[in-house]
Amino acid sequence: MAATTHNNEKAHKDADYMHGAAVIDKNGKEHPITEEMIEKALKQILKASKTSS
């Protein structure tokens, strides 16, 4: 039973993972895109759209 639970948890984590999505900085270093980065960008877009209306 424990192995099944572990496999289910791993499958869930794999489904949520972005499979290598990254931002490459000016030095060529890859930085994985996180959910926090996406949320921050969307909040900035929302804020900008409210101030431009």
PDB file of N, CA and C in Angstrom:
ATOM      1  N   MET A   1       0.825  -1.198   0.000  1.00  0.00           N
ATOM      2  CA  MET A   1       0.000   0.000   0.000  1.00  0.00           C
ATOM      3  C   MET A   1       0.870   1.262   0.000  1.00  0.00           C
ATOM      4  N   ALA A   2       1.937   1.259   0.776  1.00  0.00           N
ATOM      5  CA  ALA A   2       2.796   2.443   0.851  1.00  0.00           C
ATOM      6  C   ALA A   2       3.432   2.754  -0.502  1.00  0.00           C
ATOM      7  N   ALA A   3       3.810   1.720  -1.239  1.00  0.00           N
ATOM      8  CA  ALA A   3       4.408   1.945  -2.559  1.00  0.00           C
ATOM      9  C   ALA A   3       3.405   2.584  -3.504  1.00  0.00           C
ATOM     10  N   THR A   4       2.154   2.157  -3.430  1.00  0.00           N
ATOM     11  CA  THR A   4       1.109   2.736  -4.281  1.00  0.00           C
ATOM     12  C   THR A   4       0.901   4.198  -3.943  1.00  0.00           C
ATOM     13  N   THR A   5       0.861   4.525  -2.665  1.00  0.00           N
ATOM     14  CA  THR A   5       0.699   5.913  -2.235  1.00  0.00           C
ATOM     15  C   THR A   5       1.859   6.753  -2.741  1.00  0.00           C
ATOM     16  N   HIS A   6       3.070   6.238  -2.608  1.00  0.00           N
ATOM     17  CA  HIS A   6       4.257   6.957  -3.080  1.00  0.00           C
ATOM     18  C   HIS A   6       4.174   7.187  -4.587  1.00  0.00           C
ATOM     19  N   ASN A   7       3.783   6.158  -5.335  1.00  0.00           N
ATOM     20  CA  ASN A   7       3.673   6.294  -6.790  1.00  0.00           C
ATOM     21  C   ASN A   7       2.612   7.316  -7.172  1.00  0.00           C
ATOM     22  N   ASN A   8       1.480   7.334  -6.462  1.00  0.00           N
ATOM     23  CA  ASN A   8       0.422   8.306  -6.742  1.00  0.00           C
ATOM     24  C   ASN A   8       0.902   9.726  -6.465  1.00  0.00           C
ATOM     25  N   GLU A   9       1.634   9.918  -5.367  1.00  0.00           N
ATOM     26  CA  GLU A   9       2.159  11.242  -5.035  1.00  0.00           C
ATOM     27  C   GLU A   9       3.167  11.689  -6.088  1.00  0.00           C
ATOM     28  N   LYS A  10       4.018  10.780  -6.530  1.00  0.00           N
ATOM     29  CA  LYS A  10       5.008  11.112  -7.556  1.00  0.00           C
ATOM     30  C   LYS A  10       4.315  11.480  -8.867  1.00  0.00           C
ATOM     31  N   ALA A  11       3.298  10.735  -9.253  1.00  0.00           N
ATOM     32  CA  ALA A  11       2.567  11.030 -10.489  1.00  0.00           C
ATOM     33  C   ALA A  11       1.911  12.394 -10.406  1.00  0.00           C
ATOM     34  N   HIS A  12       1.371  12.735  -9.235  1.00  0.00           N
ATOM     35  CA  HIS A  12       0.733  14.044  -9.063  1.00  0.00           C
ATOM     36  C   HIS A  12       1.768  15.158  -9.191  1.00  0.00           C
ATOM     37  N   LYS A  13       2.918  14.984  -8.559  1.00  0.00           N
ATOM     38  CA  LYS A  13       3.972  15.997  -8.656  1.00  0.00           C
ATOM     39  C   LYS A  13       4.454  16.131 -10.094  1.00  0.00           C
ATOM     40  N   ASP A  14       4.606  15.013 -10.803  1.00  0.00           N
ATOM     41  CA  ASP A  14       5.045  15.050 -12.195  1.00  0.00           C
ATOM     42  C   ASP A  14       4.042  15.794 -13.064  1.00  0.00           C
ATOM     43  N   ALA A  15       2.753  15.621 -12.800  1.00  0.00           N
ATOM     44  CA  ALA A  15       1.711  16.284 -13.591  1.00  0.00           C
ATOM     45  C   ALA A  15       1.759  17.793 -13.390  1.00  0.00           C
ATOM     46  N   ASP A  16       2.151  18.248 -12.198  1.00  0.00           N
ATOM     47  CA  ASP A  16       2.212  19.673 -11.896  1.00  0.00           C
ATOM     48  C   ASP A  16       3.517  20.319 -12.359  1.00  0.00           C
ATOM     49  N   TYR A  17       4.519  19.547 -12.620  1.00  0.00           N
ATOM     50  CA  TYR A  17       5.821  20.075 -12.983  1.00  0.00           C
ATOM     51  C   TYR A  17       5.792  20.610 -14.413  1.00  0.00           C
ATOM     52  N   MET A  18       6.509  21.678 -14.678  1.00  0.00           N
ATOM     53  CA  MET A  18       6.458  22.310 -15.994  1.00  0.00           C
ATOM     54  C   MET A  18       7.446  21.693 -16.985  1.00  0.00           C
ATOM     55  N   HIS A  19       8.086  20.607 -16.633  1.00  0.00           N
ATOM     56  CA  HIS A  19       8.954  19.848 -17.527  1.00  0.00           C
ATOM     57  C   HIS A  19      10.031  20.695 -18.197  1.00  0.00           C
ATOM     58  N   GLY A  20      10.759  21.440 -17.405  1.00  0.00           N
ATOM     59  CA  GLY A  20      11.922  22.131 -17.915  1.00  0.00           C
ATOM     60  C   GLY A  20      11.722  23.552 -18.389  1.00  0.00           C
ATOM     61  N   ALA A  21      10.563  24.146 -18.155  1.00  0.00           N
ATOM     62  CA  ALA A  21      10.362  25.540 -18.555  1.00  0.00           C
ATOM     63  C   ALA A  21      11.308  26.417 -17.741  1.00  0.00           C
ATOM     64  N   ALA A  22      12.028  27.296 -18.428  1.00  0.00           N
ATOM     65  CA  ALA A  22      13.006  28.124 -17.736  1.00  0.00           C
ATOM     66  C   ALA A  22      13.193  29.451 -18.457  1.00  0.00           C
ATOM     67  N   VAL A  23      13.722  30.405 -17.704  1.00  0.00           N
ATOM     68  CA  VAL A  23      14.136  31.695 -18.246  1.00  0.00           C
ATOM     69  C   VAL A  23      15.658  31.643 -18.299  1.00  0.00           C
ATOM     70  N   ILE A  24      16.228  32.140 -19.368  1.00  0.00           N
ATOM     71  CA  ILE A  24      17.682  32.164 -19.498  1.00  0.00           C
ATOM     72  C   ILE A  24      18.146  33.600 -19.326  1.00  0.00           C
ATOM     73  N   ASP A  25      19.024  33.818 -18.346  1.00  0.00           N
ATOM     74  CA  ASP A  25      19.489  35.183 -18.084  1.00  0.00           C
ATOM     75  C   ASP A  25      20.568  35.594 -19.088  1.00  0.00           C
ATOM     76  N   LYS A  26      21.046  36.831 -18.953  1.00  0.00           N
ATOM     77  CA  LYS A  26      22.012  37.373 -19.919  1.00  0.00           C
ATOM     78  C   LYS A  26      23.348  36.628 -19.909  1.00  0.00           C
ATOM     79  N   ASN A  27      23.617  35.863 -18.845  1.00  0.00           N
ATOM     80  CA  ASN A  27      24.849  35.084 -18.762  1.00  0.00           C
ATOM     81  C   ASN A  27      24.665  33.650 -19.255  1.00  0.00           C
ATOM     82  N   GLY A  28      23.451  33.328 -19.731  1.00  0.00           N
ATOM     83  CA  GLY A  28      23.175  31.991 -20.242  1.00  0.00           C
ATOM     84  C   GLY A  28      22.762  30.983 -19.190  1.00  0.00           C
ATOM     85  N   LYS A  29      22.570  31.439 -17.959  1.00  0.00           N
ATOM     86  CA  LYS A  29      22.171  30.533 -16.884  1.00  0.00           C
ATOM     87  C   LYS A  29      20.656  30.356 -16.898  1.00  0.00           C
ATOM     88  N   GLU A  30      20.209  29.096 -16.770  1.00  0.00           N
ATOM     89  CA  GLU A  30      18.782  28.799 -16.748  1.00  0.00           C
ATOM     90  C   GLU A  30      18.233  28.937 -15.333  1.00  0.00           C
ATOM     91  N   HIS A  31      17.047  29.538 -15.231  1.00  0.00           N
ATOM     92  CA  HIS A  31      16.339  29.677 -13.962  1.00  0.00           C
ATOM     93  C   HIS A  31      14.944  29.094 -14.167  1.00  0.00           C
ATOM     94  N   PRO A  32      14.607  28.008 -13.464  1.00  0.00           N
ATOM     95  CA  PRO A  32      13.291  27.394 -13.643  1.00  0.00           C
ATOM     96  C   PRO A  32      12.167  28.389 -13.370  1.00  0.00           C
ATOM     97  N   ILE A  33      11.128  28.342 -14.195  1.00  0.00           N
ATOM     98  CA  ILE A  33       9.954  29.190 -13.990  1.00  0.00           C
ATOM     99  C   ILE A  33       9.113  28.555 -12.895  1.00  0.00           C
ATOM    100  N   THR A  34       8.806  29.339 -11.874  1.00  0.00           N
ATOM    101  CA  THR A  34       8.029  28.834 -10.749  1.00  0.00           C
ATOM    102  C   THR A  34       6.614  29.398 -10.781  1.00  0.00           C
ATOM    103  N   GLU A  35       5.747  28.766 -10.024  1.00  0.00           N
ATOM    104  CA  GLU A  35       4.377  29.265  -9.906  1.00  0.00           C
ATOM    105  C   GLU A  35       4.383  30.676  -9.324  1.00  0.00           C
ATOM    106  N   GLU A  36       5.278  30.925  -8.383  1.00  0.00           N
ATOM    107  CA  GLU A  36       5.388  32.253  -7.772  1.00  0.00           C
ATOM    108  C   GLU A  36       5.735  33.314  -8.823  1.00  0.00           C
ATOM    109  N   MET A  37       6.625  32.985  -9.747  1.00  0.00           N
ATOM    110  CA  MET A  37       7.004  33.925 -10.806  1.00  0.00           C
ATOM    111  C   MET A  37       5.807  34.249 -11.696  1.00  0.00           C
ATOM    112  N   ILE A  38       5.032  33.237 -12.033  1.00  0.00           N
ATOM    113  CA  ILE A  38       3.858  33.436 -12.888  1.00  0.00           C
ATOM    114  C   ILE A  38       2.818  34.288 -12.178  1.00  0.00           C
ATOM    115  N   GLU A  39       2.564  33.977 -10.893  1.00  0.00           N
ATOM    116  CA  GLU A  39       1.590  34.757 -10.123  1.00  0.00           C
ATOM    117  C   GLU A  39       2.014  36.218 -10.022  1.00  0.00           C
ATOM    118  N   LYS A  40       3.298  36.468  -9.788  1.00  0.00           N
ATOM    119  CA  LYS A  40       3.803  37.836  -9.679  1.00  0.00           C
ATOM    120  C   LYS A  40       3.610  38.586 -10.994  1.00  0.00           C
ATOM    121  N   ALA A  41       3.928  37.933 -12.102  1.00  0.00           N
ATOM    122  CA  ALA A  41       3.773  38.573 -13.412  1.00  0.00           C
ATOM    123  C   ALA A  41       2.313  38.889 -13.698  1.00  0.00           C
ATOM    124  N   LEU A  42       1.421  37.959 -13.381  1.00  0.00           N
ATOM    125  CA  LEU A  42      -0.004  38.190 -13.622  1.00  0.00           C
ATOM    126  C   LEU A  42      -0.545  39.328 -12.755  1.00  0.00           C
ATOM    127  N   LYS A  43      -0.077  39.413 -11.512  1.00  0.00           N
ATOM    128  CA  LYS A  43      -0.499  40.518 -10.636  1.00  0.00           C
ATOM    129  C   LYS A  43      -0.021  41.857 -11.192  1.00  0.00           C
ATOM    130  N   GLN A  44       1.200  41.892 -11.730  1.00  0.00           N
ATOM    131  CA  GLN A  44       1.721  43.126 -12.319  1.00  0.00           C
ATOM    132  C   GLN A  44       0.909  43.531 -13.546  1.00  0.00           C
ATOM    133  N   ILE A  45       0.527  42.558 -14.354  1.00  0.00           N
ATOM    134  CA  ILE A  45      -0.298  42.847 -15.534  1.00  0.00           C
ATOM    135  C   ILE A  45      -1.656  43.380 -15.109  1.00  0.00           C
ATOM    136  N   LEU A  46      -2.263  42.748 -14.119  1.00  0.00           N
ATOM    137  CA  LEU A  46      -3.566  43.189 -13.625  1.00  0.00           C
ATOM    138  C   LEU A  46      -3.481  44.607 -13.066  1.00  0.00           C
ATOM    139  N   LYS A  47      -2.440  44.887 -12.284  1.00  0.00           N
ATOM    140  CA  LYS A  47      -2.253  46.222 -11.716  1.00  0.00           C
ATOM    141  C   LYS A  47      -2.072  47.259 -12.828  1.00  0.00           C
ATOM    142  N   ALA A  48      -1.267  46.933 -13.829  1.00  0.00           N
ATOM    143  CA  ALA A  48      -1.025  47.859 -14.938  1.00  0.00           C
ATOM    144  C   ALA A  48      -2.296  48.109 -15.738  1.00  0.00           C
ATOM    145  N   SER A  49      -3.108  47.089 -15.902  1.00  0.00           N
ATOM    146  CA  SER A  49      -4.338  47.264 -16.682  1.00  0.00           C
ATOM    147  C   SER A  49      -5.352  48.120 -15.929  1.00  0.00           C
ATOM    148  N   LYS A  50      -5.322  48.087 -14.606  1.00  0.00           N
ATOM    149  CA  LYS A  50      -6.237  48.908 -13.806  1.00  0.00           C
ATOM    150  C   LYS A  50      -5.812  50.372 -13.814  1.00  0.00           C
ATOM    151  N   THR A  51      -4.512  50.632 -13.848  1.00  0.00           N
ATOM    152  CA  THR A  51      -4.037  52.019 -13.819  1.00  0.00           C
ATOM    153  C   THR A  51      -4.124  52.678 -15.190  1.00  0.00           C
ATOM    154  N   SER A  52      -4.160  51.884 -16.253  1.00  0.00           N
ATOM    155  CA  SER A  52      -4.227  52.466 -17.596  1.00  0.00           C
ATOM    156  C   SER A  52      -5.661  52.695 -18.062  1.00  0.00           C
ATOM    157  N   SER A  53      -6.648  52.231 -17.307  1.00  0.00           N
ATOM    158  CA  SER A  53      -8.058  52.400 -17.697  1.00  0.00           C
ATOM    159  C   SER A  53      -8.584  53.751 -17.305  1.00  0.00           C
TER     160      SER A  53
END
